[in-house]
C-alpha atoms as a PDB file:
ATOM      1  CA  UNK A   1       2.677  15.180  46.182  1.00  0.00           C
ATOM      2  CA  UNK A   2       2.355  11.418  45.988  1.00  0.00           C
ATOM      3  CA  UNK A   3       3.280  11.168  49.713  1.00  0.00           C
ATOM      4  CA  UNK A   4       6.795  12.441  49.035  1.00  0.00           C
ATOM      5  CA  UNK A   5       8.747  15.141  50.779  1.00  0.00           C
ATOM      6  CA  UNK A   6       7.996  18.613  49.479  1.00  0.00           C
ATOM      7  CA  UNK A   7      11.711  19.224  49.021  1.00  0.00           C
ATOM      8  CA  UNK A   8      12.080  16.269  46.646  1.00  0.00           C
ATOM      9  CA  UNK A   9      13.605  16.942  43.264  1.00  0.00           C
ATOM     10  CA  UNK A  10      10.956  17.483  40.601  1.00  0.00           C
ATOM     11  CA  UNK A  11      12.260  14.484  38.618  1.00  0.00           C
ATOM     12  CA  UNK A  12      11.046  12.157  41.369  1.00  0.00           C
ATOM     13  CA  UNK A  13       7.535  13.606  41.448  1.00  0.00           C
ATOM     14  CA  UNK A  14       6.268  11.560  38.504  1.00  0.00           C
ATOM     15  CA  UNK A  15       4.705   8.149  39.060  1.00  0.00           C
ATOM     16  CA  UNK A  16       7.638   6.566  37.240  1.00  0.00           C
ATOM     17  CA  UNK A  17      10.710   7.805  35.466  1.00  0.00           C
ATOM     18  CA  UNK A  18      12.424   4.974  33.625  1.00  0.00           C
ATOM     19  CA  UNK A  19      15.467   5.686  31.428  1.00  0.00           C
ATOM     20  CA  UNK A  20      15.155   4.059  28.011  1.00  0.00           C
ATOM     21  CA  UNK A  21      18.642   3.233  26.792  1.00  0.00           C
ATOM     22  CA  UNK A  22      20.385   1.350  24.007  1.00  0.00           C
ATOM     23  CA  UNK A  23      23.593  -0.595  24.269  1.00  0.00           C
ATOM     24  CA  UNK A  24      25.032   1.328  21.354  1.00  0.00           C
ATOM     25  CA  UNK A  25      24.286   4.402  19.283  1.00  0.00           C
ATOM     26  CA  UNK A  26      21.799   4.125  16.414  1.00  0.00           C
ATOM     27  CA  UNK A  27      22.552   6.269  13.365  1.00  0.00           C
ATOM     28  CA  UNK A  28      19.975   6.556  10.597  1.00  0.00           C
ATOM     29  CA  UNK A  29      20.415   9.380   8.129  1.00  0.00           C
ATOM     30  CA  UNK A  30      17.803   8.036   5.719  1.00  0.00           C
ATOM     31  CA  UNK A  31      17.745   7.980   1.935  1.00  0.00           C
ATOM     32  CA  UNK A  32      18.466  10.042  -1.158  1.00  0.00           C
ATOM     33  CA  UNK A  33      15.218  10.137  -3.133  1.00  0.00           C
ATOM     34  CA  UNK A  34      15.786   9.951  -6.893  1.00  0.00           C
ATOM     35  CA  UNK A  35      12.190   9.758  -8.094  1.00  0.00           C
ATOM     36  CA  UNK A  36       8.665   9.096  -6.875  1.00  0.00           C
ATOM     37  CA  UNK A  37       5.723   8.232  -9.111  1.00  0.00           C
ATOM     38  CA  UNK A  38       2.045   7.760  -8.243  1.00  0.00           C
ATOM     39  CA  UNK A  39       0.574   5.783 -11.127  1.00  0.00           C
ATOM     40  CA  UNK A  40      -2.989   4.740 -11.901  1.00  0.00           C
ATOM     41  CA  UNK A  41      -2.506   2.425 -14.872  1.00  0.00           C
ATOM     42  CA  UNK A  42      -4.964   0.634 -17.130  1.00  0.00           C
ATOM     43  CA  UNK A  43      -4.534  -2.384 -19.410  1.00  0.00           C
ATOM     44  CA  UNK A  44      -2.584  -0.302 -21.974  1.00  0.00           C
ATOM     45  CA  UNK A  45       0.184   0.555 -19.485  1.00  0.00           C
ATOM     46  CA  UNK A  46       3.527  -1.111 -20.268  1.00  0.00           C
ATOM     47  CA  UNK A  47       7.017   0.217 -19.520  1.00  0.00           C
ATOM     48  CA  UNK A  48      10.313  -1.165 -20.867  1.00  0.00           C
ATOM     49  CA  UNK A  49      13.678  -0.430 -19.220  1.00  0.00           C
ATOM     50  CA  UNK A  50      16.068   1.130 -19.897  1.00  0.00           C
ATOM     51  CA  UNK A  51      14.610   2.752 -23.045  1.00  0.00           C
ATOM     52  CA  UNK A  52      11.549   4.185 -21.259  1.00  0.00           C
ATOM     53  CA  UNK A  53      13.515   5.389 -18.243  1.00  0.00           C
ATOM     54  CA  UNK A  54      14.394   9.097 -18.374  1.00  0.00           C
ATOM     55  CA  UNK A  55      17.171   8.888 -15.794  1.00  0.00           C
ATOM     56  CA  UNK A  56      20.156   6.514 -16.086  1.00  0.00           C
ATOM     57  CA  UNK A  57      20.202   3.294 -14.091  1.00  0.00           C
ATOM     58  CA  UNK A  58      22.233   3.560 -10.893  1.00  0.00           C
ATOM     59  CA  UNK A  59      23.721   0.330  -9.590  1.00  0.00           C
ATOM     60  CA  UNK A  60      23.588   1.452  -5.953  1.00  0.00           C
ATOM     61  CA  UNK A  61      19.940   2.502  -6.081  1.00  0.00           C
ATOM     62  CA  UNK A  62      16.832   0.569  -5.064  1.00  0.00           C
ATOM     63  CA  UNK A  63      13.229   0.585  -6.226  1.00  0.00           C
ATOM     64  CA  UNK A  64      10.382   0.272  -3.735  1.00  0.00           C
ATOM     65  CA  UNK A  65       6.934  -0.465  -5.172  1.00  0.00           C
ATOM     66  CA  UNK A  66       3.815  -0.104  -3.063  1.00  0.00           C
ATOM     67  CA  UNK A  67       0.611  -1.334  -4.720  1.00  0.00           C
ATOM     68  CA  UNK A  68      -2.614   0.245  -3.469  1.00  0.00           C
ATOM     69  CA  UNK A  69      -5.025  -1.723  -5.645  1.00  0.00           C
ATOM     70  CA  UNK A  70      -5.335  -3.825  -8.756  1.00  0.00           C
ATOM     71  CA  UNK A  71      -2.504  -5.917 -10.079  1.00  0.00           C
ATOM     72  CA  UNK A  72       0.732  -5.473 -12.015  1.00  0.00           C
ATOM     73  CA  UNK A  73       3.439  -7.755 -13.348  1.00  0.00           C
ATOM     74  CA  UNK A  74       7.190  -7.089 -13.415  1.00  0.00           C
ATOM     75  CA  UNK A  75       9.566  -9.014 -15.685  1.00  0.00           C
ATOM     76  CA  UNK A  76      13.126  -9.337 -14.410  1.00  0.00           C
ATOM     77  CA  UNK A  77      16.393 -10.344 -16.044  1.00  0.00           C
ATOM     78  CA  UNK A  78      16.788 -14.099 -16.080  1.00  0.00           C
ATOM     79  CA  UNK A  79      13.101 -14.631 -16.861  1.00  0.00           C
ATOM     80  CA  UNK A  80      11.682 -14.202 -13.351  1.00  0.00           C
ATOM     81  CA  UNK A  81       8.233 -12.612 -13.065  1.00  0.00           C
ATOM     82  CA  UNK A  82       6.704 -10.933 -10.023  1.00  0.00           C
ATOM     83  CA  UNK A  83       2.986 -10.192  -9.716  1.00  0.00           C
ATOM     84  CA  UNK A  84       2.048  -7.402  -7.300  1.00  0.00           C
ATOM     85  CA  UNK A  85      -1.519  -7.121  -6.050  1.00  0.00           C
ATOM     86  CA  UNK A  86      -2.821  -4.528  -3.615  1.00  0.00           C
ATOM     87  CA  UNK A  87      -1.906  -4.012  -0.880  1.00  0.00           C
ATOM     88  CA  UNK A  88       1.739  -5.041  -0.883  1.00  0.00           C
ATOM     89  CA  UNK A  89       5.261  -3.614  -1.030  1.00  0.00           C
ATOM     90  CA  UNK A  90       8.493  -4.976  -2.486  1.00  0.00           C
ATOM     91  CA  UNK A  91      12.105  -3.904  -3.028  1.00  0.00           C
ATOM     92  CA  UNK A  92      13.917  -4.489  -6.329  1.00  0.00           C
ATOM     93  CA  UNK A  93      17.199  -3.473  -7.933  1.00  0.00           C
ATOM     94  CA  UNK A  94      16.529  -1.265 -10.986  1.00  0.00           C
ATOM     95  CA  UNK A  95      19.308  -2.945 -12.997  1.00  0.00           C
ATOM     96  CA  UNK A  96      17.290  -6.212 -12.728  1.00  0.00           C
ATOM     97  CA  UNK A  97      14.078  -4.793 -14.231  1.00  0.00           C
ATOM     98  CA  UNK A  98      13.223  -5.406 -17.884  1.00  0.00           C
ATOM     99  CA  UNK A  99       9.571  -4.305 -18.046  1.00  0.00           C
ATOM    100  CA  UNK A 100       6.377  -3.914 -16.042  1.00  0.00           C
ATOM    101  CA  UNK A 101       2.724  -3.588 -16.951  1.00  0.00           C
ATOM    102  CA  UNK A 102      -0.832  -3.531 -15.609  1.00  0.00           C
ATOM    103  CA  UNK A 103      -2.208  -7.045 -15.198  1.00  0.00           C
ATOM    104  CA  UNK A 104      -5.979  -6.595 -15.258  1.00  0.00           C
ATOM    105  CA  UNK A 105      -8.296  -3.591 -15.145  1.00  0.00           C
ATOM    106  CA  UNK A 106      -6.120  -1.202 -13.113  1.00  0.00           C
ATOM    107  CA  UNK A 107      -2.847  -1.035 -11.242  1.00  0.00           C
ATOM    108  CA  UNK A 108      -2.463   1.836  -8.790  1.00  0.00           C
ATOM    109  CA  UNK A 109       0.973   2.023  -7.234  1.00  0.00           C
ATOM    110  CA  UNK A 110       3.706   4.246  -5.862  1.00  0.00           C
ATOM    111  CA  UNK A 111       7.064   3.636  -7.499  1.00  0.00           C
ATOM    112  CA  UNK A 112      10.043   5.189  -5.737  1.00  0.00           C
ATOM    113  CA  UNK A 113      13.725   4.971  -6.588  1.00  0.00           C
ATOM    114  CA  UNK A 114      16.199   5.812  -3.841  1.00  0.00           C
ATOM    115  CA  UNK A 115      19.784   5.405  -2.649  1.00  0.00           C
ATOM    116  CA  UNK A 116      20.369   4.550   1.027  1.00  0.00           C
ATOM    117  CA  UNK A 117      22.926   6.891   2.579  1.00  0.00           C
ATOM    118  CA  UNK A 118      23.451   4.588   5.549  1.00  0.00           C
ATOM    119  CA  UNK A 119      23.612   0.839   6.069  1.00  0.00           C
ATOM    120  CA  UNK A 120      20.198  -0.648   5.245  1.00  0.00           C
ATOM    121  CA  UNK A 121      19.528  -4.380   5.252  1.00  0.00           C
ATOM    122  CA  UNK A 122      16.975  -4.327   2.434  1.00  0.00           C
ATOM    123  CA  UNK A 123      15.316  -7.663   1.533  1.00  0.00           C
ATOM    124  CA  UNK A 124      15.409  -8.246  -2.222  1.00  0.00           C
ATOM    125  CA  UNK A 125      12.340  -9.526  -4.136  1.00  0.00           C
ATOM    126  CA  UNK A 126      10.342 -10.359  -1.000  1.00  0.00           C
ATOM    127  CA  UNK A 127       6.801  -9.053  -0.583  1.00  0.00           C
ATOM    128  CA  UNK A 128       5.330  -7.334   2.438  1.00  0.00           C
ATOM    129  CA  UNK A 129       1.557  -7.757   2.573  1.00  0.00           C
ATOM    130  CA  UNK A 130      -0.170  -4.696   4.034  1.00  0.00           C
ATOM    131  CA  UNK A 131      -3.294  -5.727   5.946  1.00  0.00           C
ATOM    132  CA  UNK A 132      -4.643  -2.226   6.412  1.00  0.00           C
ATOM    133  CA  UNK A 133      -3.093   0.289   4.057  1.00  0.00           C
ATOM    134  CA  UNK A 134      -5.095   3.412   4.935  1.00  0.00           C
ATOM    135  CA  UNK A 135      -2.242   4.759   7.050  1.00  0.00           C
ATOM    136  CA  UNK A 136       0.347   4.358   4.278  1.00  0.00           C
ATOM    137  CA  UNK A 137      -2.069   5.747   1.681  1.00  0.00           C
ATOM    138  CA  UNK A 138      -2.683   8.865   3.794  1.00  0.00           C
ATOM    139  CA  UNK A 139       1.035   9.401   4.427  1.00  0.00           C
ATOM    140  CA  UNK A 140       1.915   9.018   0.747  1.00  0.00           C
ATOM    141  CA  UNK A 141      -0.647  11.659  -0.191  1.00  0.00           C
ATOM    142  CA  UNK A 142       0.927  13.910   2.431  1.00  0.00           C
ATOM    143  CA  UNK A 143       4.375  13.167   0.954  1.00  0.00           C
ATOM    144  CA  UNK A 144       3.127  14.249  -2.477  1.00  0.00           C
ATOM    145  CA  UNK A 145       1.930  17.575  -1.066  1.00  0.00           C
ATOM    146  CA  UNK A 146       5.178  18.170   0.817  1.00  0.00           C
ATOM    147  CA  UNK A 147       7.331  17.440  -2.249  1.00  0.00           C
ATOM    148  CA  UNK A 148       5.282  19.936  -4.245  1.00  0.00           C
ATOM    149  CA  UNK A 149       6.219  22.663  -1.755  1.00  0.00           C
ATOM    150  CA  UNK A 150       9.139  25.023  -2.396  1.00  0.00           C
ATOM    151  CA  UNK A 151      10.190  24.912   1.257  1.00  0.00           C
ATOM    152  CA  UNK A 152      13.289  22.704   1.578  1.00  0.00           C
ATOM    153  CA  UNK A 153      12.368  21.669   5.130  1.00  0.00           C
ATOM    154  CA  UNK A 154       9.056  20.301   3.892  1.00  0.00           C
ATOM    155  CA  UNK A 155      10.806  18.375   1.125  1.00  0.00           C
ATOM    156  CA  UNK A 156      13.143  16.913   3.745  1.00  0.00           C
ATOM    157  CA  UNK A 157      10.115  16.004   5.866  1.00  0.00           C
ATOM    158  CA  UNK A 158       8.617  14.188   2.862  1.00  0.00           C
ATOM    159  CA  UNK A 159      11.790  12.112   2.473  1.00  0.00           C
ATOM    160  CA  UNK A 160      11.738  11.411   6.214  1.00  0.00           C
ATOM    161  CA  UNK A 161       8.186  10.062   5.826  1.00  0.00           C
ATOM    162  CA  UNK A 162       9.371   7.802   2.997  1.00  0.00           C
ATOM    163  CA  UNK A 163      12.364   6.623   5.028  1.00  0.00           C
ATOM    164  CA  UNK A 164      10.039   5.639   7.869  1.00  0.00           C
ATOM    165  CA  UNK A 165       7.768   3.716   5.494  1.00  0.00           C
ATOM    166  CA  UNK A 166      10.723   1.925   3.928  1.00  0.00           C
ATOM    167  CA  UNK A 167      11.867   0.760   7.361  1.00  0.00           C
ATOM    168  CA  UNK A 168       8.307  -0.337   8.181  1.00  0.00           C
ATOM    169  CA  UNK A 169       8.148  -2.442   5.010  1.00  0.00           C
ATOM    170  CA  UNK A 170      11.576  -3.922   5.752  1.00  0.00           C
ATOM    171  CA  UNK A 171      10.363  -4.887   9.241  1.00  0.00           C
ATOM    172  CA  UNK A 172       7.170  -6.437   7.846  1.00  0.00           C
ATOM    173  CA  UNK A 173       9.180  -8.562   5.423  1.00  0.00           C
ATOM    174  CA  UNK A 174      11.595  -9.638   8.167  1.00  0.00           C
ATOM    175  CA  UNK A 175       8.608 -10.932  10.162  1.00  0.00           C
ATOM    176  CA  UNK A 176       7.517 -13.263   7.356  1.00  0.00           C
ATOM    177  CA  UNK A 177       9.428 -16.217   8.777  1.00  0.00           C
ATOM    178  CA  UNK A 178       7.725 -16.011  12.172  1.00  0.00           C
ATOM    179  CA  UNK A 179       4.140 -15.454  11.050  1.00  0.00           C
ATOM    180  CA  UNK A 180       1.450 -17.916  12.118  1.00  0.00           C
ATOM    181  CA  UNK A 181       0.162 -20.183   9.378  1.00  0.00           C
ATOM    182  CA  UNK A 182      -3.319 -18.628   9.374  1.00  0.00           C
ATOM    183  CA  UNK A 183      -1.876 -15.133   8.846  1.00  0.00           C
ATOM    184  CA  UNK A 184       0.205 -16.336   5.903  1.00  0.00           C
ATOM    185  CA  UNK A 185      -2.875 -17.930   4.376  1.00  0.00           C
ATOM    186  CA  UNK A 186      -5.106 -14.882   4.860  1.00  0.00           C
ATOM    187  CA  UNK A 187      -2.434 -12.729   3.222  1.00  0.00           C
ATOM    188  CA  UNK A 188      -2.614 -15.029   0.194  1.00  0.00           C
ATOM    189  CA  UNK A 189      -6.393 -14.654   0.190  1.00  0.00           C
ATOM    190  CA  UNK A 190      -6.121 -10.848   0.306  1.00  0.00           C
ATOM    191  CA  UNK A 191      -3.690 -10.896  -2.631  1.00  0.00           C
ATOM    192  CA  UNK A 192      -6.074 -13.172  -4.519  1.00  0.00           C
ATOM    193  CA  UNK A 193      -9.004 -10.848  -3.897  1.00  0.00           C
ATOM    194  CA  UNK A 194      -7.102  -7.774  -5.090  1.00  0.00           C
ATOM    195  CA  UNK A 195      -5.664  -9.550  -8.133  1.00  0.00           C
ATOM    196  CA  UNK A 196      -9.100 -10.021  -9.687  1.00  0.00           C
ATOM    197  CA  UNK A 197     -11.958  -8.088  -8.117  1.00  0.00           C
ATOM    198  CA  UNK A 198     -14.131  -9.016 -11.099  1.00  0.00           C
ATOM    199  CA  UNK A 199     -14.490 -12.461  -9.564  1.00  0.00           C
ATOM    200  CA  UNK A 200     -17.555 -12.487  -7.330  1.00  0.00           C
ATOM    201  CA  UNK A 201     -16.389 -13.718  -3.928  1.00  0.00           C
ATOM    202  CA  UNK A 202     -18.928 -14.707  -1.287  1.00  0.00           C
ATOM    203  CA  UNK A 203     -17.917 -14.941   2.355  1.00  0.00           C
ATOM    204  CA  UNK A 204     -18.692 -18.671   2.288  1.00  0.00           C
ATOM    205  CA  UNK A 205     -16.262 -19.089  -0.625  1.00  0.00           C
ATOM    206  CA  UNK A 206     -13.549 -17.177   1.235  1.00  0.00           C
ATOM    207  CA  UNK A 207     -14.064 -19.410   4.278  1.00  0.00           C
ATOM    208  CA  UNK A 208     -13.919 -22.514   2.093  1.00  0.00           C
ATOM    209  CA  UNK A 209     -10.654 -21.317   0.541  1.00  0.00           C
ATOM    210  CA  UNK A 210      -9.252 -20.710   4.032  1.00  0.00           C
ATOM    211  CA  UNK A 211     -10.625 -24.080   5.197  1.00  0.00           C
ATOM    212  CA  UNK A 212     -12.286 -22.524   8.238  1.00  0.00           C
ATOM    213  CA  UNK A 213     -15.750 -21.469   9.383  1.00  0.00           C
ATOM    214  CA  UNK A 214     -17.240 -18.124   8.390  1.00  0.00           C
ATOM    215  CA  UNK A 215     -17.236 -17.096  12.069  1.00  0.00           C
ATOM    216  CA  UNK A 216     -13.516 -17.824  12.405  1.00  0.00           C
ATOM    217  CA  UNK A 217     -12.808 -16.053   9.096  1.00  0.00           C
ATOM    218  CA  UNK A 218     -14.575 -12.973  10.434  1.00  0.00           C
ATOM    219  CA  UNK A 219     -12.366 -13.013  13.552  1.00  0.00           C
ATOM    220  CA  UNK A 220      -9.238 -13.290  11.392  1.00  0.00           C
ATOM    221  CA  UNK A 221     -10.283 -10.371   9.161  1.00  0.00           C
ATOM    222  CA  UNK A 222     -11.170  -8.169  12.120  1.00  0.00           C
ATOM    223  CA  UNK A 223      -7.842  -8.976  13.777  1.00  0.00           C
ATOM    224  CA  UNK A 224      -5.605  -8.319  10.767  1.00  0.00           C
ATOM    225  CA  UNK A 225      -7.556  -5.768   8.662  1.00  0.00           C
ATOM    226  CA  UNK A 226      -9.919  -4.141  11.157  1.00  0.00           C
ATOM    227  CA  UNK A 227     -12.832  -5.028   8.869  1.00  0.00           C
ATOM    228  CA  UNK A 228     -15.170  -7.955   8.347  1.00  0.00           C
ATOM    229  CA  UNK A 229     -14.670 -10.031   5.153  1.00  0.00           C
ATOM    230  CA  UNK A 230     -17.760  -8.428   3.626  1.00  0.00           C
ATOM    231  CA  UNK A 231     -16.603  -4.891   4.525  1.00  0.00           C
ATOM    232  CA  UNK A 232     -13.067  -5.500   3.234  1.00  0.00           C
ATOM    233  CA  UNK A 233     -14.294  -6.937  -0.077  1.00  0.00           C
ATOM    234  CA  UNK A 234     -16.829  -4.108  -0.545  1.00  0.00           C
ATOM    235  CA  UNK A 235     -14.230  -1.401   0.163  1.00  0.00           C
ATOM    236  CA  UNK A 236     -11.771  -2.971  -2.285  1.00  0.00           C
ATOM    237  CA  UNK A 237     -14.429  -3.055  -5.022  1.00  0.00           C
ATOM    238  CA  UNK A 238     -15.501   0.539  -4.337  1.00  0.00           C
ATOM    239  CA  UNK A 239     -11.896   1.789  -4.477  1.00  0.00           C
ATOM    240  CA  UNK A 240     -11.463  -0.015  -7.794  1.00  0.00           C
ATOM    241  CA  UNK A 241     -14.764   1.467  -8.994  1.00  0.00           C
ATOM    242  CA  UNK A 242     -13.530   4.970  -8.136  1.00  0.00           C
ATOM    243  CA  UNK A 243     -10.448   4.378 -10.309  1.00  0.00           C
ATOM    244  CA  UNK A 244     -12.411   2.875 -13.201  1.00  0.00           C
ATOM    245  CA  UNK A 245     -14.800   5.836 -13.275  1.00  0.00           C
ATOM    246  CA  UNK A 246     -11.841   8.101 -13.984  1.00  0.00           C
ATOM    247  CA  UNK A 247     -11.471   6.336 -17.331  1.00  0.00           C
ATOM    248  CA  UNK A 248     -13.674   7.474 -20.197  1.00  0.00           C
ATOM    249  CA  UNK A 249     -14.858   4.028 -21.288  1.00  0.00           C
ATOM    250  CA  UNK A 250     -16.434   3.113 -17.950  1.00  0.00           C
ATOM    251  CA  UNK A 251     -19.968   4.285 -17.183  1.00  0.00           C
ATOM    252  CA  UNK A 252     -21.644   3.911 -13.792  1.00  0.00           C
ATOM    253  CA  UNK A 253     -23.804   1.031 -15.021  1.00  0.00           C
ATOM    254  CA  UNK A 254     -20.826  -0.781 -16.596  1.00  0.00           C
ATOM    255  CA  UNK A 255     -18.748  -0.497 -13.412  1.00  0.00           C
ATOM    256  CA  UNK A 256     -21.689  -1.760 -11.327  1.00  0.00           C
ATOM    257  CA  UNK A 257     -22.033  -4.747 -13.665  1.00  0.00           C
ATOM    258  CA  UNK A 258     -18.292  -5.551 -13.871  1.00  0.00           C
ATOM    259  CA  UNK A 259     -17.852  -5.486 -10.095  1.00  0.00           C
ATOM    260  CA  UNK A 260     -20.988  -7.546  -9.363  1.00  0.00           C
ATOM    261  CA  UNK A 261     -23.201  -4.998  -7.657  1.00  0.00           C
ATOM    262  CA  UNK A 262     -26.914  -5.855  -7.687  1.00  0.00           C
ATOM    263  CA  UNK A 263     -27.703  -2.838  -9.871  1.00  0.00           C
ATOM    264  CA  UNK A 264     -26.640   0.775 -10.455  1.00  0.00           C
ATOM    265  CA  UNK A 265     -28.832   2.036  -7.611  1.00  0.00           C
ATOM    266  CA  UNK A 266     -27.216  -0.227  -4.999  1.00  0.00           C
ATOM    267  CA  UNK A 267     -23.764   0.593  -6.378  1.00  0.00           C
ATOM    268  CA  UNK A 268     -24.393   4.364  -6.259  1.00  0.00           C
ATOM    269  CA  UNK A 269     -25.711   4.145  -2.708  1.00  0.00           C
ATOM    270  CA  UNK A 270     -22.654   2.217  -1.461  1.00  0.00           C
ATOM    271  CA  UNK A 271     -20.281   4.497  -3.389  1.00  0.00           C
ATOM    272  CA  UNK A 272     -21.779   7.674  -1.940  1.00  0.00           C
ATOM    273  CA  UNK A 273     -21.767   6.236   1.568  1.00  0.00           C
ATOM    274  CA  UNK A 274     -18.021   5.528   1.320  1.00  0.00           C
ATOM    275  CA  UNK A 275     -16.740   8.578  -0.591  1.00  0.00           C
ATOM    276  CA  UNK A 276     -19.389  11.209   0.176  1.00  0.00           C
ATOM    277  CA  UNK A 277     -20.354  11.891  -3.438  1.00  0.00           C
ATOM    278  CA  UNK A 278     -22.190  10.081  -6.247  1.00  0.00           C
ATOM    279  CA  UNK A 279     -20.264   7.973  -8.773  1.00  0.00           C
ATOM    280  CA  UNK A 280     -21.708  10.089 -11.573  1.00  0.00           C
ATOM    281  CA  UNK A 281     -19.640  13.027 -10.327  1.00  0.00           C
ATOM    282  CA  UNK A 282     -16.384  11.052  -9.971  1.00  0.00           C
ATOM    283  CA  UNK A 283     -14.967  12.205 -13.322  1.00  0.00           C
ATOM    284  CA  UNK A 284     -15.787  15.859 -12.615  1.00  0.00           C
ATOM    285  CA  UNK A 285     -14.161  15.655  -9.167  1.00  0.00           C
ATOM    286  CA  UNK A 286     -11.029  14.057 -10.635  1.00  0.00           C
ATOM    287  CA  UNK A 287     -10.665  16.852 -13.189  1.00  0.00           C
ATOM    288  CA  UNK A 288     -11.156  19.481 -10.476  1.00  0.00           C
ATOM    289  CA  UNK A 289      -8.365  17.946  -8.355  1.00  0.00           C
ATOM    290  CA  UNK A 290      -5.840  18.122 -11.211  1.00  0.00           C
END
């Protein structure tokens, strides 16, 4: 019994028992979710507000946009434009939005409108770059399933998930001012890669853009994304390929050519290794999931 008296209170039996306290109470009741959209857009996608918005604009509401891949452009009142490339998140006021559209081949994003029902210090028009978005992507898919359930507790759980993500994005944005210079620069590189995956990037070209050696670039990528530059770039292209194959005009050979794979065989092999099925069956799988 850790050398203690057998009559000791059970609370003292643990190796340590440290109270974790706050100086004041923390109250966070979350958000009121107005709408949530998961959109995979192509070059024809363009939305104008308020005429294309089904629900009225609410001055107290916010819009959070999380881009998974591709690139989109948002036009705001006053002439400002914001380009969002995967993976990033941003908060906007809906009354400021004039239009938004896909800027490139695809734009896959979650668009959520919400009203905070507590005090939230939300940063306006500042981007949070997501170095490794698999966690958010998985949670957002789970949110979609929960919202589709008739059980009110599960719907509340979905909104709780979203509230947590919103706070995470707020925290990421608040850290922008204290980021090391190399992290800021690699975030710009990641945005550049996602903005146009039709450009054939070699690791040497990435290192030259970063003004560092390929070995140091690899260390930076592993630290911030968990992947090597080559792995990160390949995964981004394969995820874009999966989206393109869901569109009628893109064949396997055309996608392989557009995204600079050596040939259709090498593309199909890499695609199957990542997703577990051949690219030729991507359209059939998409229809089966609907």
